[in-house]
N, C-alpha and C. Protein backbone atom coordinates (compact mmCIF):
# COMPACT_ATOMS: atom_id res chain seq x y z
N UNK A 1 -5.26 7.58 40.33
CA UNK A 1 -4.43 6.76 39.48
C UNK A 1 -4.48 7.33 38.05
N UNK A 2 -3.33 7.50 37.45
CA UNK A 2 -3.22 8.07 36.11
C UNK A 2 -3.30 6.95 35.07
N UNK A 3 -4.08 7.20 34.01
CA UNK A 3 -4.19 6.23 32.92
C UNK A 3 -3.37 6.71 31.74
N UNK A 4 -2.51 5.86 31.25
CA UNK A 4 -1.70 6.19 30.08
C UNK A 4 -2.37 5.64 28.83
N UNK A 5 -2.44 6.46 27.80
CA UNK A 5 -3.04 6.03 26.55
C UNK A 5 -1.93 5.90 25.51
N UNK A 6 -1.84 4.74 24.92
CA UNK A 6 -0.85 4.51 23.87
C UNK A 6 -1.26 5.27 22.62
N UNK A 7 -0.38 6.14 22.12
CA UNK A 7 -0.71 6.96 20.96
C UNK A 7 0.03 6.52 19.70
N UNK A 8 0.84 5.47 19.83
CA UNK A 8 1.56 4.96 18.68
C UNK A 8 1.41 3.45 18.61
N UNK A 9 1.38 2.95 17.39
CA UNK A 9 1.23 1.52 17.18
C UNK A 9 2.04 1.14 15.95
N UNK A 10 2.67 -0.01 15.99
CA UNK A 10 3.38 -0.54 14.83
C UNK A 10 2.85 -1.92 14.52
N UNK A 11 2.62 -2.16 13.24
CA UNK A 11 2.16 -3.47 12.80
C UNK A 11 3.14 -3.97 11.75
N UNK A 12 3.70 -5.13 11.98
CA UNK A 12 4.63 -5.73 11.03
C UNK A 12 3.81 -6.44 9.96
N UNK A 13 3.59 -5.78 8.82
CA UNK A 13 2.79 -6.36 7.75
C UNK A 13 3.54 -7.45 7.00
N UNK A 14 4.77 -7.18 6.67
CA UNK A 14 5.58 -8.12 5.91
C UNK A 14 6.98 -8.12 6.50
N UNK A 15 7.54 -9.30 6.66
CA UNK A 15 8.90 -9.41 7.14
C UNK A 15 9.44 -10.76 6.69
N UNK A 16 10.21 -10.74 5.63
CA UNK A 16 10.73 -12.02 5.18
C UNK A 16 11.54 -11.93 3.91
N UNK A 17 12.03 -13.09 3.52
CA UNK A 17 12.81 -13.26 2.30
C UNK A 17 11.92 -13.98 1.29
N UNK A 18 11.90 -13.46 0.06
CA UNK A 18 10.99 -13.98 -0.94
C UNK A 18 11.69 -14.17 -2.28
N UNK A 19 11.20 -15.15 -3.04
CA UNK A 19 11.64 -15.26 -4.42
C UNK A 19 11.06 -14.05 -5.17
N UNK A 20 11.59 -13.73 -6.33
CA UNK A 20 11.01 -12.61 -7.09
C UNK A 20 9.51 -12.79 -7.34
N UNK A 21 9.06 -13.99 -7.65
CA UNK A 21 7.63 -14.23 -7.89
C UNK A 21 6.81 -13.99 -6.63
N UNK A 22 7.30 -14.50 -5.51
CA UNK A 22 6.59 -14.28 -4.24
C UNK A 22 6.56 -12.80 -3.88
N UNK A 23 7.70 -12.13 -4.04
CA UNK A 23 7.78 -10.70 -3.72
C UNK A 23 6.80 -9.91 -4.59
N UNK A 24 6.73 -10.25 -5.85
CA UNK A 24 5.81 -9.57 -6.76
C UNK A 24 4.37 -9.78 -6.31
N UNK A 25 4.04 -11.00 -5.91
CA UNK A 25 2.68 -11.31 -5.43
C UNK A 25 2.34 -10.51 -4.18
N UNK A 26 3.28 -10.46 -3.23
CA UNK A 26 3.04 -9.74 -1.97
C UNK A 26 2.84 -8.25 -2.22
N UNK A 27 3.76 -7.66 -2.97
CA UNK A 27 3.70 -6.22 -3.23
C UNK A 27 2.46 -5.87 -4.04
N UNK A 28 2.16 -6.66 -5.06
CA UNK A 28 0.97 -6.41 -5.87
C UNK A 28 -0.30 -6.49 -5.04
N UNK A 29 -0.39 -7.49 -4.17
CA UNK A 29 -1.58 -7.64 -3.33
C UNK A 29 -1.76 -6.45 -2.39
N UNK A 30 -0.68 -6.00 -1.78
CA UNK A 30 -0.77 -4.85 -0.87
C UNK A 30 -1.19 -3.58 -1.61
N UNK A 31 -0.55 -3.34 -2.75
CA UNK A 31 -0.89 -2.13 -3.52
C UNK A 31 -2.31 -2.21 -4.09
N UNK A 32 -2.72 -3.39 -4.53
CA UNK A 32 -4.09 -3.54 -5.04
C UNK A 32 -5.13 -3.25 -3.97
N UNK A 33 -4.86 -3.68 -2.74
CA UNK A 33 -5.79 -3.39 -1.64
C UNK A 33 -5.92 -1.90 -1.41
N UNK A 34 -4.81 -1.20 -1.43
CA UNK A 34 -4.83 0.25 -1.22
C UNK A 34 -5.51 0.97 -2.38
N UNK A 35 -5.27 0.51 -3.60
CA UNK A 35 -5.95 1.07 -4.78
C UNK A 35 -7.45 0.87 -4.65
N UNK A 36 -7.87 -0.32 -4.26
CA UNK A 36 -9.31 -0.60 -4.10
C UNK A 36 -9.92 0.27 -3.01
N UNK A 37 -9.17 0.51 -1.93
CA UNK A 37 -9.66 1.39 -0.87
C UNK A 37 -10.00 2.76 -1.44
N UNK A 38 -9.10 3.32 -2.24
CA UNK A 38 -9.33 4.65 -2.80
C UNK A 38 -10.44 4.66 -3.84
N UNK A 39 -10.60 3.56 -4.57
CA UNK A 39 -11.71 3.46 -5.52
C UNK A 39 -13.04 3.47 -4.78
N UNK A 40 -13.11 2.74 -3.68
CA UNK A 40 -14.33 2.72 -2.88
C UNK A 40 -14.58 4.08 -2.23
N UNK A 41 -13.52 4.73 -1.79
CA UNK A 41 -13.64 6.06 -1.20
C UNK A 41 -14.21 7.02 -2.24
N UNK A 42 -13.68 6.98 -3.44
CA UNK A 42 -14.15 7.84 -4.53
C UNK A 42 -15.62 7.57 -4.85
N UNK A 43 -15.99 6.30 -4.92
CA UNK A 43 -17.37 5.93 -5.18
C UNK A 43 -18.29 6.45 -4.08
N UNK A 44 -17.86 6.32 -2.84
CA UNK A 44 -18.65 6.79 -1.70
C UNK A 44 -18.86 8.30 -1.78
N UNK A 45 -17.82 9.03 -2.13
CA UNK A 45 -17.92 10.49 -2.22
C UNK A 45 -18.88 10.91 -3.33
N UNK A 46 -18.93 10.11 -4.39
CA UNK A 46 -19.77 10.46 -5.55
C UNK A 46 -21.22 10.04 -5.40
N UNK A 47 -21.49 9.18 -4.44
CA UNK A 47 -22.87 8.76 -4.22
C UNK A 47 -23.72 9.95 -3.84
N UNK A 48 -24.68 10.26 -4.65
CA UNK A 48 -25.56 11.38 -4.37
C UNK A 48 -24.98 12.74 -4.73
N UNK A 49 -23.72 12.78 -5.14
CA UNK A 49 -23.09 14.04 -5.53
C UNK A 49 -22.14 13.78 -6.69
N UNK A 50 -22.68 13.82 -7.89
CA UNK A 50 -21.88 13.53 -9.08
C UNK A 50 -20.76 14.55 -9.29
N UNK A 51 -20.87 15.68 -8.65
CA UNK A 51 -19.87 16.75 -8.80
C UNK A 51 -18.85 16.75 -7.67
N UNK A 52 -18.82 15.70 -6.86
CA UNK A 52 -17.89 15.64 -5.74
C UNK A 52 -16.45 15.76 -6.22
N UNK A 53 -15.64 16.41 -5.43
CA UNK A 53 -14.22 16.58 -5.75
C UNK A 53 -13.48 15.30 -5.39
N UNK A 54 -13.09 14.55 -6.40
CA UNK A 54 -12.40 13.27 -6.19
C UNK A 54 -10.91 13.37 -6.58
N UNK A 55 -10.39 14.57 -6.55
CA UNK A 55 -9.00 14.79 -6.96
C UNK A 55 -8.04 13.95 -6.12
N UNK A 56 -8.21 13.94 -4.80
CA UNK A 56 -7.28 13.20 -3.95
C UNK A 56 -7.28 11.71 -4.27
N UNK A 57 -8.44 11.02 -4.22
CA UNK A 57 -8.38 9.59 -4.52
C UNK A 57 -7.93 9.31 -5.95
N UNK A 58 -8.31 10.16 -6.90
CA UNK A 58 -7.88 9.96 -8.29
C UNK A 58 -6.36 10.01 -8.40
N UNK A 59 -5.76 11.02 -7.77
CA UNK A 59 -4.31 11.16 -7.82
C UNK A 59 -3.61 10.03 -7.08
N UNK A 60 -4.19 9.63 -5.95
CA UNK A 60 -3.58 8.56 -5.16
C UNK A 60 -3.62 7.24 -5.91
N UNK A 61 -4.73 6.96 -6.59
CA UNK A 61 -4.85 5.74 -7.39
C UNK A 61 -3.78 5.73 -8.48
N UNK A 62 -3.62 6.85 -9.16
CA UNK A 62 -2.60 6.95 -10.22
C UNK A 62 -1.20 6.74 -9.64
N UNK A 63 -0.92 7.34 -8.49
CA UNK A 63 0.40 7.18 -7.85
C UNK A 63 0.67 5.72 -7.48
N UNK A 64 -0.33 5.07 -6.90
CA UNK A 64 -0.16 3.68 -6.49
C UNK A 64 0.00 2.76 -7.68
N UNK A 65 -0.73 3.01 -8.76
CA UNK A 65 -0.57 2.21 -9.98
C UNK A 65 0.83 2.37 -10.55
N UNK A 66 1.37 3.58 -10.48
CA UNK A 66 2.73 3.82 -10.96
C UNK A 66 3.74 3.11 -10.06
N UNK A 67 3.53 3.15 -8.76
CA UNK A 67 4.42 2.44 -7.82
C UNK A 67 4.40 0.94 -8.10
N UNK A 68 3.23 0.41 -8.40
CA UNK A 68 3.10 -1.01 -8.71
C UNK A 68 3.86 -1.35 -9.99
N UNK A 69 3.77 -0.49 -10.99
CA UNK A 69 4.48 -0.70 -12.25
C UNK A 69 6.00 -0.69 -12.01
N UNK A 70 6.46 0.28 -11.23
CA UNK A 70 7.90 0.40 -10.94
C UNK A 70 8.39 -0.81 -10.16
N UNK A 71 7.62 -1.24 -9.18
CA UNK A 71 8.01 -2.40 -8.37
C UNK A 71 8.10 -3.66 -9.23
N UNK A 72 7.11 -3.87 -10.10
CA UNK A 72 7.13 -5.05 -10.97
C UNK A 72 8.33 -5.00 -11.91
N UNK A 73 8.61 -3.82 -12.45
CA UNK A 73 9.75 -3.66 -13.35
C UNK A 73 11.06 -4.00 -12.62
N UNK A 74 11.20 -3.50 -11.40
CA UNK A 74 12.40 -3.77 -10.59
C UNK A 74 12.54 -5.26 -10.32
N UNK A 75 11.46 -5.88 -9.87
CA UNK A 75 11.50 -7.31 -9.54
C UNK A 75 11.77 -8.15 -10.78
N UNK A 76 11.12 -7.81 -11.88
CA UNK A 76 11.34 -8.57 -13.12
C UNK A 76 12.79 -8.49 -13.59
N UNK A 77 13.45 -7.37 -13.32
CA UNK A 77 14.85 -7.22 -13.72
C UNK A 77 15.77 -8.14 -12.92
N UNK A 78 15.29 -8.65 -11.79
CA UNK A 78 16.10 -9.51 -10.92
C UNK A 78 15.79 -10.99 -11.08
N UNK A 79 14.73 -11.32 -11.79
CA UNK A 79 14.31 -12.73 -11.89
C UNK A 79 15.41 -13.64 -12.40
N UNK A 80 16.15 -13.23 -13.40
CA UNK A 80 17.16 -14.10 -14.01
C UNK A 80 18.40 -14.28 -13.14
N UNK A 81 18.55 -13.46 -12.11
CA UNK A 81 19.73 -13.54 -11.25
C UNK A 81 19.62 -14.60 -10.16
N UNK A 82 18.42 -15.13 -9.97
CA UNK A 82 18.22 -16.18 -8.98
C UNK A 82 18.36 -15.72 -7.54
N UNK A 83 18.22 -14.43 -7.31
CA UNK A 83 18.36 -13.89 -5.96
C UNK A 83 17.00 -13.79 -5.28
N UNK A 84 17.06 -13.73 -3.96
CA UNK A 84 15.85 -13.54 -3.15
C UNK A 84 15.76 -12.07 -2.75
N UNK A 85 14.57 -11.65 -2.44
CA UNK A 85 14.34 -10.26 -2.04
C UNK A 85 13.88 -10.22 -0.59
N UNK A 86 14.38 -9.27 0.14
CA UNK A 86 13.97 -9.06 1.54
C UNK A 86 12.95 -7.94 1.56
N UNK A 87 11.81 -8.20 2.17
CA UNK A 87 10.78 -7.17 2.32
C UNK A 87 10.51 -6.97 3.80
N UNK A 88 10.60 -5.73 4.22
CA UNK A 88 10.33 -5.35 5.60
C UNK A 88 9.30 -4.23 5.55
N UNK A 89 8.06 -4.57 5.83
CA UNK A 89 6.99 -3.58 5.75
C UNK A 89 6.34 -3.36 7.09
N UNK A 90 6.61 -2.20 7.66
CA UNK A 90 6.02 -1.85 8.96
C UNK A 90 5.01 -0.75 8.75
N UNK A 91 3.82 -0.95 9.27
CA UNK A 91 2.76 0.05 9.24
C UNK A 91 2.83 0.79 10.57
N UNK A 92 3.08 2.10 10.50
CA UNK A 92 3.17 2.91 11.72
C UNK A 92 1.90 3.73 11.88
N UNK A 93 1.31 3.65 13.03
CA UNK A 93 0.06 4.36 13.34
C UNK A 93 0.32 5.28 14.53
N UNK A 94 -0.09 6.54 14.40
CA UNK A 94 0.07 7.46 15.53
C UNK A 94 -1.11 8.40 15.57
N UNK A 95 -1.32 8.94 16.74
CA UNK A 95 -2.40 9.89 16.96
C UNK A 95 -2.06 11.21 16.30
N UNK A 96 -2.98 11.73 15.51
CA UNK A 96 -2.76 13.01 14.83
C UNK A 96 -3.09 14.14 15.79
N UNK A 97 -2.19 15.07 15.86
CA UNK A 97 -2.39 16.20 16.80
C UNK A 97 -3.09 17.34 16.13
């Protein structure tokens, strides 16, 4: 009997319509979690090795902070229009070959 192993996974993180305030909260929370992940990664790499190369997490943290700034700016520009925002966030996971 042959066993099939699923090599792809999708997780629906966010799917809905939000007020600008709600959308800002959701996006900020998700980006903050990812920023914190990279901060912890950087700290872990530096434990016991003060000269560890932290270029990747440093750059990623800066990129995510910029994305957060851009998202907030975009959402704030829509607040006065009274419109809702649709967020569809799917996390795709696959086996790396």
